[in-house]
Amino acid sequence: MNTEAKPNIIVICGPTGLGKTAVSIELALDFHGEIIGADSMQIYRYMDIGTAKPTRNEQAQVPHHLIDIVDPDDPFDAAGFAKMAGEMIMNLHAVGIVPFVVGGTGLYIKAL
């Protein structure tokens, strides 16, 4: 992302099982937002146990992005996250949607 044109985002970060998902859904509903996952394990398909991945019901309440997008055998890193999340943030801002970056991987969040 261009550092001169970075839009504002809301970041909710903390350890697994803290309740970030519930809080982010409630806030996203109130502020016309969508959630961008910032978790190094939730990004992988099939990694449902031990990751506190949002349930289908939770994902149905508010659109979630960057969850279940990479196969476990495929490499993925903070640079890839920053590129994908940066594009998603700009796209959401372009249509008036507030991006909520939510997760427990500080390296991913810092990469933005």
PDB file of N, CA and C in Angstrom:
ATOM      1  N   MET A   1       0.833  -1.189   0.000  1.00  0.00           N
ATOM      2  CA  MET A   1       0.000   0.000   0.000  1.00  0.00           C
ATOM      3  C   MET A   1       0.874   1.247   0.000  1.00  0.00           C
ATOM      4  N   ASN A   2       0.418   2.278  -0.640  1.00  0.00           N
ATOM      5  CA  ASN A   2       1.099   3.556  -0.668  1.00  0.00           C
ATOM      6  C   ASN A   2       0.959   4.221   0.697  1.00  0.00           C
ATOM      7  N   THR A   3       2.075   4.562   1.334  1.00  0.00           N
ATOM      8  CA  THR A   3       2.013   5.136   2.679  1.00  0.00           C
ATOM      9  C   THR A   3       1.346   6.502   2.695  1.00  0.00           C
ATOM     10  N   GLU A   4       1.313   7.198   1.568  1.00  0.00           N
ATOM     11  CA  GLU A   4       0.671   8.504   1.516  1.00  0.00           C
ATOM     12  C   GLU A   4      -0.850   8.391   1.444  1.00  0.00           C
ATOM     13  N   ALA A   5      -1.363   7.266   1.023  1.00  0.00           N
ATOM     14  CA  ALA A   5      -2.799   7.141   0.797  1.00  0.00           C
ATOM     15  C   ALA A   5      -3.440   6.065   1.674  1.00  0.00           C
ATOM     16  N   LYS A   6      -2.845   5.767   2.826  1.00  0.00           N
ATOM     17  CA  LYS A   6      -3.403   4.723   3.681  1.00  0.00           C
ATOM     18  C   LYS A   6      -4.720   5.179   4.306  1.00  0.00           C
ATOM     19  N   PRO A   7      -5.768   4.418   4.100  1.00  0.00           N
ATOM     20  CA  PRO A   7      -7.052   4.756   4.729  1.00  0.00           C
ATOM     21  C   PRO A   7      -7.060   4.323   6.195  1.00  0.00           C
ATOM     22  N   ASN A   8      -7.960   4.891   6.949  1.00  0.00           N
ATOM     23  CA  ASN A   8      -8.123   4.477   8.337  1.00  0.00           C
ATOM     24  C   ASN A   8      -8.751   3.098   8.393  1.00  0.00           C
ATOM     25  N   ILE A   9      -8.303   2.304   9.357  1.00  0.00           N
ATOM     26  CA  ILE A   9      -8.875   0.983   9.599  1.00  0.00           C
ATOM     27  C   ILE A   9      -9.070   0.820  11.096  1.00  0.00           C
ATOM     28  N   ILE A  10      -9.902  -0.120  11.462  1.00  0.00           N
ATOM     29  CA  ILE A  10     -10.078  -0.472  12.868  1.00  0.00           C
ATOM     30  C   ILE A  10      -9.411  -1.822  13.064  1.00  0.00           C
ATOM     31  N   VAL A  11      -8.519  -1.903  14.050  1.00  0.00           N
ATOM     32  CA  VAL A  11      -7.778  -3.135  14.326  1.00  0.00           C
ATOM     33  C   VAL A  11      -8.186  -3.674  15.688  1.00  0.00           C
ATOM     34  N   ILE A  12      -8.524  -4.958  15.715  1.00  0.00           N
ATOM     35  CA  ILE A  12      -8.814  -5.658  16.969  1.00  0.00           C
ATOM     36  C   ILE A  12      -7.855  -6.839  17.018  1.00  0.00           C
ATOM     37  N   CYS A  13      -6.911  -6.788  17.963  1.00  0.00           N
ATOM     38  CA  CYS A  13      -5.854  -7.795  18.028  1.00  0.00           C
ATOM     39  C   CYS A  13      -5.759  -8.355  19.445  1.00  0.00           C
ATOM     40  N   GLY A  14      -5.473  -9.645  19.544  1.00  0.00           N
ATOM     41  CA  GLY A  14      -5.303 -10.273  20.849  1.00  0.00           C
ATOM     42  C   GLY A  14      -5.160 -11.769  20.701  1.00  0.00           C
ATOM     43  N   PRO A  15      -4.934 -12.464  21.807  1.00  0.00           N
ATOM     44  CA  PRO A  15      -4.724 -13.915  21.753  1.00  0.00           C
ATOM     45  C   PRO A  15      -5.988 -14.688  21.391  1.00  0.00           C
ATOM     46  N   THR A  16      -5.787 -15.927  20.948  1.00  0.00           N
ATOM     47  CA  THR A  16      -6.884 -16.823  20.578  1.00  0.00           C
ATOM     48  C   THR A  16      -7.849 -17.010  21.741  1.00  0.00           C
ATOM     49  N   GLY A  17      -9.137 -16.984  21.425  1.00  0.00           N
ATOM     50  CA  GLY A  17     -10.170 -17.264  22.416  1.00  0.00           C
ATOM     51  C   GLY A  17     -10.549 -16.088  23.292  1.00  0.00           C
ATOM     52  N   LEU A  18     -10.087 -14.901  22.971  1.00  0.00           N
ATOM     53  CA  LEU A  18     -10.351 -13.716  23.788  1.00  0.00           C
ATOM     54  C   LEU A  18     -11.732 -13.111  23.544  1.00  0.00           C
ATOM     55  N   GLY A  19     -12.313 -13.385  22.369  1.00  0.00           N
ATOM     56  CA  GLY A  19     -13.617 -12.825  22.029  1.00  0.00           C
ATOM     57  C   GLY A  19     -13.554 -11.755  20.955  1.00  0.00           C
ATOM     58  N   LYS A  20     -12.461 -11.722  20.216  1.00  0.00           N
ATOM     59  CA  LYS A  20     -12.303 -10.719  19.155  1.00  0.00           C
ATOM     60  C   LYS A  20     -13.405 -10.820  18.109  1.00  0.00           C
ATOM     61  N   THR A  21     -13.779 -12.045  17.757  1.00  0.00           N
ATOM     62  CA  THR A  21     -14.787 -12.243  16.714  1.00  0.00           C
ATOM     63  C   THR A  21     -16.119 -11.633  17.118  1.00  0.00           C
ATOM     64  N   ALA A  22     -16.587 -11.928  18.319  1.00  0.00           N
ATOM     65  CA  ALA A  22     -17.882 -11.409  18.778  1.00  0.00           C
ATOM     66  C   ALA A  22     -17.886  -9.883  18.807  1.00  0.00           C
ATOM     67  N   VAL A  23     -16.822  -9.296  19.322  1.00  0.00           N
ATOM     68  CA  VAL A  23     -16.732  -7.834  19.395  1.00  0.00           C
ATOM     69  C   VAL A  23     -16.683  -7.231  17.994  1.00  0.00           C
ATOM     70  N   SER A  24     -15.881  -7.831  17.120  1.00  0.00           N
ATOM     71  CA  SER A  24     -15.744  -7.271  15.772  1.00  0.00           C
ATOM     72  C   SER A  24     -17.041  -7.372  14.978  1.00  0.00           C
ATOM     73  N   ILE A  25     -17.783  -8.449  15.151  1.00  0.00           N
ATOM     74  CA  ILE A  25     -19.067  -8.582  14.457  1.00  0.00           C
ATOM     75  C   ILE A  25     -20.037  -7.510  14.934  1.00  0.00           C
ATOM     76  N   GLU A  26     -20.113  -7.327  16.238  1.00  0.00           N
ATOM     77  CA  GLU A  26     -21.023  -6.318  16.789  1.00  0.00           C
ATOM     78  C   GLU A  26     -20.661  -4.918  16.280  1.00  0.00           C
ATOM     79  N   LEU A  27     -19.379  -4.594  16.303  1.00  0.00           N
ATOM     80  CA  LEU A  27     -18.947  -3.276  15.827  1.00  0.00           C
ATOM     81  C   LEU A  27     -19.137  -3.118  14.321  1.00  0.00           C
ATOM     82  N   ALA A  28     -18.828  -4.167  13.569  1.00  0.00           N
ATOM     83  CA  ALA A  28     -18.992  -4.095  12.113  1.00  0.00           C
ATOM     84  C   ALA A  28     -20.455  -3.891  11.734  1.00  0.00           C
ATOM     85  N   LEU A  29     -21.361  -4.514  12.464  1.00  0.00           N
ATOM     86  CA  LEU A  29     -22.787  -4.299  12.208  1.00  0.00           C
ATOM     87  C   LEU A  29     -23.175  -2.856  12.502  1.00  0.00           C
ATOM     88  N   ASP A  30     -22.635  -2.287  13.575  1.00  0.00           N
ATOM     89  CA  ASP A  30     -22.954  -0.911  13.956  1.00  0.00           C
ATOM     90  C   ASP A  30     -22.357   0.128  13.005  1.00  0.00           C
ATOM     91  N   PHE A  31     -21.183  -0.170  12.436  1.00  0.00           N
ATOM     92  CA  PHE A  31     -20.453   0.823  11.651  1.00  0.00           C
ATOM     93  C   PHE A  31     -20.342   0.490  10.168  1.00  0.00           C
ATOM     94  N   HIS A  32     -21.221  -0.390   9.662  1.00  0.00           N
ATOM     95  CA  HIS A  32     -21.223  -0.765   8.247  1.00  0.00           C
ATOM     96  C   HIS A  32     -19.826  -1.215   7.818  1.00  0.00           C
ATOM     97  N   GLY A  33     -19.354  -2.251   8.511  1.00  0.00           N
ATOM     98  CA  GLY A  33     -18.016  -2.736   8.235  1.00  0.00           C
ATOM     99  C   GLY A  33     -17.981  -4.175   7.768  1.00  0.00           C
ATOM    100  N   GLU A  34     -16.802  -4.588   7.340  1.00  0.00           N
ATOM    101  CA  GLU A  34     -16.523  -5.975   7.003  1.00  0.00           C
ATOM    102  C   GLU A  34     -15.215  -6.356   7.675  1.00  0.00           C
ATOM    103  N   ILE A  35     -15.039  -7.642   7.911  1.00  0.00           N
ATOM    104  CA  ILE A  35     -13.911  -8.129   8.692  1.00  0.00           C
ATOM    105  C   ILE A  35     -12.855  -8.751   7.785  1.00  0.00           C
ATOM    106  N   ILE A  36     -11.621  -8.338   8.009  1.00  0.00           N
ATOM    107  CA  ILE A  36     -10.466  -8.912   7.324  1.00  0.00           C
ATOM    108  C   ILE A  36      -9.684  -9.693   8.370  1.00  0.00           C
ATOM    109  N   GLY A  37      -9.608 -11.006   8.192  1.00  0.00           N
ATOM    110  CA  GLY A  37      -8.902 -11.841   9.150  1.00  0.00           C
ATOM    111  C   GLY A  37      -7.408 -11.599   9.104  1.00  0.00           C
ATOM    112  N   ALA A  38      -6.796 -11.471  10.286  1.00  0.00           N
ATOM    113  CA  ALA A  38      -5.347 -11.270  10.401  1.00  0.00           C
ATOM    114  C   ALA A  38      -4.780 -12.342  11.322  1.00  0.00           C
ATOM    115  N   ASP A  39      -5.025 -13.582  10.955  1.00  0.00           N
ATOM    116  CA  ASP A  39      -4.573 -14.711  11.764  1.00  0.00           C
ATOM    117  C   ASP A  39      -3.817 -15.696  10.875  1.00  0.00           C
ATOM    118  N   SER A  40      -2.621 -16.040  11.277  1.00  0.00           N
ATOM    119  CA  SER A  40      -1.757 -16.880  10.444  1.00  0.00           C
ATOM    120  C   SER A  40      -2.244 -18.315  10.308  1.00  0.00           C
ATOM    121  N   MET A  41      -3.182 -18.747  11.139  1.00  0.00           N
ATOM    122  CA  MET A  41      -3.731 -20.099  11.014  1.00  0.00           C
ATOM    123  C   MET A  41      -5.121 -20.098  10.383  1.00  0.00           C
ATOM    124  N   GLN A  42      -5.928 -19.088  10.658  1.00  0.00           N
ATOM    125  CA  GLN A  42      -7.282 -19.035  10.103  1.00  0.00           C
ATOM    126  C   GLN A  42      -7.270 -18.837   8.596  1.00  0.00           C
ATOM    127  N   ILE A  43      -6.163 -18.371   8.068  1.00  0.00           N
ATOM    128  CA  ILE A  43      -6.052 -18.171   6.626  1.00  0.00           C
ATOM    129  C   ILE A  43      -6.066 -19.502   5.877  1.00  0.00           C
ATOM    130  N   TYR A  44      -5.683 -20.588   6.579  1.00  0.00           N
ATOM    131  CA  TYR A  44      -5.596 -21.909   5.953  1.00  0.00           C
ATOM    132  C   TYR A  44      -6.917 -22.662   5.995  1.00  0.00           C
ATOM    133  N   ARG A  45      -7.239 -23.304   4.900  1.00  0.00           N
ATOM    134  CA  ARG A  45      -8.392 -24.200   4.850  1.00  0.00           C
ATOM    135  C   ARG A  45      -8.120 -25.392   5.761  1.00  0.00           C
ATOM    136  N   TYR A  46      -9.164 -25.958   6.280  1.00  0.00           N
ATOM    137  CA  TYR A  46      -9.148 -27.194   7.077  1.00  0.00           C
ATOM    138  C   TYR A  46      -8.535 -27.030   8.468  1.00  0.00           C
ATOM    139  N   MET A  47      -8.008 -25.876   8.813  1.00  0.00           N
ATOM    140  CA  MET A  47      -7.421 -25.658  10.132  1.00  0.00           C
ATOM    141  C   MET A  47      -8.492 -25.092  11.062  1.00  0.00           C
ATOM    142  N   ASP A  48      -9.482 -25.910  11.375  1.00  0.00           N
ATOM    143  CA  ASP A  48     -10.620 -25.426  12.152  1.00  0.00           C
ATOM    144  C   ASP A  48     -10.469 -25.663  13.650  1.00  0.00           C
ATOM    145  N   ILE A  49      -9.722 -26.677  14.029  1.00  0.00           N
ATOM    146  CA  ILE A  49      -9.565 -27.002  15.446  1.00  0.00           C
ATOM    147  C   ILE A  49      -8.391 -26.208  16.013  1.00  0.00           C
ATOM    148  N   GLY A  50      -8.625 -25.554  17.141  1.00  0.00           N
ATOM    149  CA  GLY A  50      -7.565 -24.820  17.818  1.00  0.00           C
ATOM    150  C   GLY A  50      -7.280 -23.438  17.269  1.00  0.00           C
ATOM    151  N   THR A  51      -8.048 -22.993  16.283  1.00  0.00           N
ATOM    152  CA  THR A  51      -7.799 -21.677  15.688  1.00  0.00           C
ATOM    153  C   THR A  51      -8.875 -20.651  16.042  1.00  0.00           C
ATOM    154  N   ALA A  52      -9.952 -21.084  16.661  1.00  0.00           N
ATOM    155  CA  ALA A  52     -11.088 -20.203  16.986  1.00  0.00           C
ATOM    156  C   ALA A  52     -11.578 -19.466  15.742  1.00  0.00           C
ATOM    157  N   LYS A  53     -11.571 -20.172  14.623  1.00  0.00           N
ATOM    158  CA  LYS A  53     -12.034 -19.607  13.352  1.00  0.00           C
ATOM    159  C   LYS A  53     -13.513 -19.239  13.473  1.00  0.00           C
ATOM    160  N   PRO A  54     -13.938 -18.098  12.912  1.00  0.00           N
ATOM    161  CA  PRO A  54     -15.358 -17.735  12.970  1.00  0.00           C
ATOM    162  C   PRO A  54     -16.234 -18.839  12.371  1.00  0.00           C
ATOM    163  N   THR A  55     -17.355 -19.092  13.021  1.00  0.00           N
ATOM    164  CA  THR A  55     -18.283 -20.110  12.535  1.00  0.00           C
ATOM    165  C   THR A  55     -18.978 -19.617  11.268  1.00  0.00           C
ATOM    166  N   ARG A  56     -19.636 -20.526  10.585  1.00  0.00           N
ATOM    167  CA  ARG A  56     -20.402 -20.123   9.390  1.00  0.00           C
ATOM    168  C   ARG A  56     -21.479 -19.113   9.760  1.00  0.00           C
ATOM    169  N   ASN A  57     -22.114 -19.305  10.911  1.00  0.00           N
ATOM    170  CA  ASN A  57     -23.138 -18.373  11.368  1.00  0.00           C
ATOM    171  C   ASN A  57     -22.534 -16.987  11.598  1.00  0.00           C
ATOM    172  N   GLU A  58     -21.377 -16.937  12.234  1.00  0.00           N
ATOM    173  CA  GLU A  58     -20.721 -15.646  12.466  1.00  0.00           C
ATOM    174  C   GLU A  58     -20.320 -14.992  11.143  1.00  0.00           C
ATOM    175  N   GLN A  59     -19.808 -15.793  10.224  1.00  0.00           N
ATOM    176  CA  GLN A  59     -19.409 -15.251   8.926  1.00  0.00           C
ATOM    177  C   GLN A  59     -20.609 -14.798   8.101  1.00  0.00           C
ATOM    178  N   ALA A  60     -21.782 -15.369   8.370  1.00  0.00           N
ATOM    179  CA  ALA A  60     -22.996 -14.969   7.655  1.00  0.00           C
ATOM    180  C   ALA A  60     -23.526 -13.620   8.152  1.00  0.00           C
ATOM    181  N   GLN A  61     -23.205 -13.260   9.386  1.00  0.00           N
ATOM    182  CA  GLN A  61     -23.682 -11.996   9.947  1.00  0.00           C
ATOM    183  C   GLN A  61     -22.982 -10.792   9.326  1.00  0.00           C
ATOM    184  N   VAL A  62     -21.696 -10.935   9.093  1.00  0.00           N
ATOM    185  CA  VAL A  62     -20.870  -9.867   8.529  1.00  0.00           C
ATOM    186  C   VAL A  62     -19.884 -10.527   7.563  1.00  0.00           C
ATOM    187  N   PRO A  63     -19.691  -9.970   6.373  1.00  0.00           N
ATOM    188  CA  PRO A  63     -18.711 -10.566   5.461  1.00  0.00           C
ATOM    189  C   PRO A  63     -17.311 -10.621   6.088  1.00  0.00           C
ATOM    190  N   HIS A  64     -16.675 -11.780   5.938  1.00  0.00           N
ATOM    191  CA  HIS A  64     -15.305 -12.003   6.415  1.00  0.00           C
ATOM    192  C   HIS A  64     -14.411 -12.252   5.201  1.00  0.00           C
ATOM    193  N   HIS A  65     -13.205 -11.743   5.259  1.00  0.00           N
ATOM    194  CA  HIS A  65     -12.244 -11.910   4.179  1.00  0.00           C
ATOM    195  C   HIS A  65     -10.945 -12.493   4.726  1.00  0.00           C
ATOM    196  N   LEU A  66     -10.194 -13.170   3.866  1.00  0.00           N
ATOM    197  CA  LEU A  66      -8.898 -13.765   4.172  1.00  0.00           C
ATOM    198  C   LEU A  66      -8.988 -14.857   5.237  1.00  0.00           C
ATOM    199  N   ILE A  67     -10.048 -15.628   5.177  1.00  0.00           N
ATOM    200  CA  ILE A  67     -10.217 -16.815   6.017  1.00  0.00           C
ATOM    201  C   ILE A  67     -10.474 -17.981   5.071  1.00  0.00           C
ATOM    202  N   ASP A  68      -9.787 -19.104   5.316  1.00  0.00           N
ATOM    203  CA  ASP A  68      -9.939 -20.304   4.474  1.00  0.00           C
ATOM    204  C   ASP A  68      -9.584 -20.042   3.011  1.00  0.00           C
ATOM    205  N   ILE A  69      -8.470 -19.385   2.765  1.00  0.00           N
ATOM    206  CA  ILE A  69      -8.122 -19.062   1.377  1.00  0.00           C
ATOM    207  C   ILE A  69      -6.867 -19.773   0.870  1.00  0.00           C
ATOM    208  N   VAL A  70      -6.110 -20.417   1.765  1.00  0.00           N
ATOM    209  CA  VAL A  70      -4.849 -21.047   1.375  1.00  0.00           C
ATOM    210  C   VAL A  70      -4.868 -22.511   1.806  1.00  0.00           C
ATOM    211  N   ASP A  71      -4.409 -23.395   0.928  1.00  0.00           N
ATOM    212  CA  ASP A  71      -4.278 -24.804   1.300  1.00  0.00           C
ATOM    213  C   ASP A  71      -3.092 -24.972   2.246  1.00  0.00           C
ATOM    214  N   PRO A  72      -3.180 -25.923   3.187  1.00  0.00           N
ATOM    215  CA  PRO A  72      -2.117 -26.100   4.181  1.00  0.00           C
ATOM    216  C   PRO A  72      -0.727 -26.352   3.589  1.00  0.00           C
ATOM    217  N   ASP A  73      -0.656 -26.932   2.408  1.00  0.00           N
ATOM    218  CA  ASP A  73       0.642 -27.208   1.789  1.00  0.00           C
ATOM    219  C   ASP A  73       1.235 -26.005   1.057  1.00  0.00           C
ATOM    220  N   ASP A  74       0.449 -24.957   0.900  1.00  0.00           N
ATOM    221  CA  ASP A  74       0.917 -23.779   0.174  1.00  0.00           C
ATOM    222  C   ASP A  74       1.573 -22.781   1.128  1.00  0.00           C
ATOM    223  N   PRO A  75       2.685 -22.201   0.715  1.00  0.00           N
ATOM    224  CA  PRO A  75       3.339 -21.207   1.579  1.00  0.00           C
ATOM    225  C   PRO A  75       2.550 -19.899   1.607  1.00  0.00           C
ATOM    226  N   PHE A  76       2.601 -19.234   2.737  1.00  0.00           N
ATOM    227  CA  PHE A  76       1.961 -17.930   2.881  1.00  0.00           C
ATOM    228  C   PHE A  76       2.726 -17.179   3.951  1.00  0.00           C
ATOM    229  N   ASP A  77       2.920 -15.878   3.754  1.00  0.00           N
ATOM    230  CA  ASP A  77       3.696 -15.108   4.719  1.00  0.00           C
ATOM    231  C   ASP A  77       3.090 -13.719   4.921  1.00  0.00           C
ATOM    232  N   ALA A  78       3.739 -12.936   5.777  1.00  0.00           N
ATOM    233  CA  ALA A  78       3.240 -11.606   6.107  1.00  0.00           C
ATOM    234  C   ALA A  78       3.211 -10.692   4.885  1.00  0.00           C
ATOM    235  N   ALA A  79       4.164 -10.853   3.985  1.00  0.00           N
ATOM    236  CA  ALA A  79       4.171 -10.022   2.774  1.00  0.00           C
ATOM    237  C   ALA A  79       2.956 -10.328   1.902  1.00  0.00           C
ATOM    238  N   GLY A  80       2.631 -11.609   1.767  1.00  0.00           N
ATOM    239  CA  GLY A  80       1.438 -11.994   1.011  1.00  0.00           C
ATOM    240  C   GLY A  80       0.178 -11.472   1.668  1.00  0.00           C
ATOM    241  N   PHE A  81       0.143 -11.549   3.000  1.00  0.00           N
ATOM    242  CA  PHE A  81      -1.004 -11.017   3.733  1.00  0.00           C
ATOM    243  C   PHE A  81      -1.131  -9.517   3.496  1.00  0.00           C
ATOM    244  N   ALA A  82      -0.025  -8.789   3.638  1.00  0.00           N
ATOM    245  CA  ALA A  82      -0.069  -7.332   3.484  1.00  0.00           C
ATOM    246  C   ALA A  82      -0.574  -6.935   2.101  1.00  0.00           C
ATOM    247  N   LYS A  83      -0.146  -7.652   1.083  1.00  0.00           N
ATOM    248  CA  LYS A  83      -0.597  -7.355  -0.284  1.00  0.00           C
ATOM    249  C   LYS A  83      -2.097  -7.589  -0.418  1.00  0.00           C
ATOM    250  N   MET A  84      -2.555  -8.771   0.008  1.00  0.00           N
ATOM    251  CA  MET A  84      -3.979  -9.109  -0.127  1.00  0.00           C
ATOM    252  C   MET A  84      -4.850  -8.222   0.757  1.00  0.00           C
ATOM    253  N   ALA A  85      -4.450  -8.037   1.996  1.00  0.00           N
ATOM    254  CA  ALA A  85      -5.243  -7.223   2.923  1.00  0.00           C
ATOM    255  C   ALA A  85      -5.244  -5.761   2.489  1.00  0.00           C
ATOM    256  N   GLY A  86      -4.104  -5.273   2.019  1.00  0.00           N
ATOM    257  CA  GLY A  86      -4.032  -3.888   1.553  1.00  0.00           C
ATOM    258  C   GLY A  86      -4.989  -3.625   0.406  1.00  0.00           C
ATOM    259  N   GLU A  87      -5.034  -4.552  -0.537  1.00  0.00           N
ATOM    260  CA  GLU A  87      -5.971  -4.417  -1.654  1.00  0.00           C
ATOM    261  C   GLU A  87      -7.415  -4.471  -1.165  1.00  0.00           C
ATOM    262  N   MET A  88      -7.690  -5.381  -0.227  1.00  0.00           N
ATOM    263  CA  MET A  88      -9.045  -5.507   0.313  1.00  0.00           C
ATOM    264  C   MET A  88      -9.453  -4.228   1.042  1.00  0.00           C
ATOM    265  N   ILE A  89      -8.549  -3.667   1.821  1.00  0.00           N
ATOM    266  CA  ILE A  89      -8.835  -2.425   2.548  1.00  0.00           C
ATOM    267  C   ILE A  89      -9.183  -1.306   1.567  1.00  0.00           C
ATOM    268  N   MET A  90      -8.392  -1.152   0.530  1.00  0.00           N
ATOM    269  CA  MET A  90      -8.650  -0.096  -0.453  1.00  0.00           C
ATOM    270  C   MET A  90      -9.982  -0.321  -1.171  1.00  0.00           C
ATOM    271  N   ASN A  91     -10.277  -1.565  -1.524  1.00  0.00           N
ATOM    272  CA  ASN A  91     -11.544  -1.881  -2.196  1.00  0.00           C
ATOM    273  C   ASN A  91     -12.738  -1.585  -1.298  1.00  0.00           C
ATOM    274  N   LEU A  92     -12.642  -1.947  -0.029  1.00  0.00           N
ATOM    275  CA  LEU A  92     -13.746  -1.683   0.899  1.00  0.00           C
ATOM    276  C   LEU A  92     -13.942  -0.183   1.076  1.00  0.00           C
ATOM    277  N   HIS A  93     -12.846   0.550   1.271  1.00  0.00           N
ATOM    278  CA  HIS A  93     -12.948   2.005   1.427  1.00  0.00           C
ATOM    279  C   HIS A  93     -13.573   2.656   0.198  1.00  0.00           C
ATOM    280  N   ALA A  94     -13.252   2.144  -0.969  1.00  0.00           N
ATOM    281  CA  ALA A  94     -13.762   2.723  -2.214  1.00  0.00           C
ATOM    282  C   ALA A  94     -15.279   2.671  -2.300  1.00  0.00           C
ATOM    283  N   VAL A  95     -15.891   1.707  -1.610  1.00  0.00           N
ATOM    284  CA  VAL A  95     -17.352   1.583  -1.644  1.00  0.00           C
ATOM    285  C   VAL A  95     -17.992   1.965  -0.308  1.00  0.00           C
ATOM    286  N   GLY A  96     -17.232   2.651   0.548  1.00  0.00           N
ATOM    287  CA  GLY A  96     -17.782   3.181   1.787  1.00  0.00           C
ATOM    288  C   GLY A  96     -17.947   2.181   2.914  1.00  0.00           C
ATOM    289  N   ILE A  97     -17.205   1.087   2.870  1.00  0.00           N
ATOM    290  CA  ILE A  97     -17.288   0.067   3.919  1.00  0.00           C
ATOM    291  C   ILE A  97     -16.080   0.204   4.836  1.00  0.00           C
ATOM    292  N   VAL A  98     -16.319   0.140   6.139  1.00  0.00           N
ATOM    293  CA  VAL A  98     -15.251   0.253   7.129  1.00  0.00           C
ATOM    294  C   VAL A  98     -14.556  -1.099   7.292  1.00  0.00           C
ATOM    295  N   PRO A  99     -13.231  -1.168   7.051  1.00  0.00           N
ATOM    296  CA  PRO A  99     -12.518  -2.430   7.252  1.00  0.00           C
ATOM    297  C   PRO A  99     -12.119  -2.626   8.716  1.00  0.00           C
ATOM    298  N   PHE A 100     -12.438  -3.796   9.228  1.00  0.00           N
ATOM    299  CA  PHE A 100     -12.023  -4.207  10.567  1.00  0.00           C
ATOM    300  C   PHE A 100     -10.975  -5.298  10.390  1.00  0.00           C
ATOM    301  N   VAL A 101      -9.744  -5.034  10.760  1.00  0.00           N
ATOM    302  CA  VAL A 101      -8.681  -6.036  10.692  1.00  0.00           C
ATOM    303  C   VAL A 101      -8.652  -6.722  12.050  1.00  0.00           C
ATOM    304  N   VAL A 102      -8.936  -8.030  12.044  1.00  0.00           N
ATOM    305  CA  VAL A 102      -9.152  -8.751  13.298  1.00  0.00           C
ATOM    306  C   VAL A 102      -8.310 -10.015  13.330  1.00  0.00           C
ATOM    307  N   GLY A 103      -7.529 -10.187  14.388  1.00  0.00           N
ATOM    308  CA  GLY A 103      -6.756 -11.413  14.515  1.00  0.00           C
ATOM    309  C   GLY A 103      -5.708 -11.332  15.594  1.00  0.00           C
ATOM    310  N   GLY A 104      -4.970 -12.416  15.705  1.00  0.00           N
ATOM    311  CA  GLY A 104      -3.970 -12.514  16.749  1.00  0.00           C
ATOM    312  C   GLY A 104      -2.547 -12.560  16.244  1.00  0.00           C
ATOM    313  N   THR A 105      -2.340 -12.361  14.955  1.00  0.00           N
ATOM    314  CA  THR A 105      -0.990 -12.419  14.414  1.00  0.00           C
ATOM    315  C   THR A 105      -0.463 -11.000  14.236  1.00  0.00           C
ATOM    316  N   GLY A 106       0.241 -10.538  15.253  1.00  0.00           N
ATOM    317  CA  GLY A 106       0.770  -9.182  15.252  1.00  0.00           C
ATOM    318  C   GLY A 106       1.660  -8.884  14.062  1.00  0.00           C
ATOM    319  N   LEU A 107       2.413  -9.880  13.601  1.00  0.00           N
ATOM    320  CA  LEU A 107       3.285  -9.680  12.447  1.00  0.00           C
ATOM    321  C   LEU A 107       2.472  -9.324  11.204  1.00  0.00           C
ATOM    322  N   TYR A 108       1.329  -9.959  11.028  1.00  0.00           N
ATOM    323  CA  TYR A 108       0.464  -9.636   9.887  1.00  0.00           C
ATOM    324  C   TYR A 108      -0.046  -8.201  10.003  1.00  0.00           C
ATOM    325  N   ILE A 109      -0.490  -7.843  11.179  1.00  0.00           N
ATOM    326  CA  ILE A 109      -1.037  -6.497  11.380  1.00  0.00           C
ATOM    327  C   ILE A 109       0.058  -5.448  11.195  1.00  0.00           C
ATOM    328  N   LYS A 110       1.223  -5.727  11.729  1.00  0.00           N
ATOM    329  CA  LYS A 110       2.339  -4.792  11.589  1.00  0.00           C
ATOM    330  C   LYS A 110       2.760  -4.645  10.127  1.00  0.00           C
ATOM    331  N   ALA A 111       2.601  -5.702   9.336  1.00  0.00           N
ATOM    332  CA  ALA A 111       2.970  -5.669   7.917  1.00  0.00           C
ATOM    333  C   ALA A 111       2.124  -4.679   7.127  1.00  0.00           C
ATOM    334  N   LEU A 112       0.932  -4.367   7.638  1.00  0.00           N
ATOM    335  CA  LEU A 112       0.085  -3.392   6.946  1.00  0.00           C
ATOM    336  C   LEU A 112       0.671  -1.999   7.094  1.00  0.00           C
TER     337      LEU A 112
END
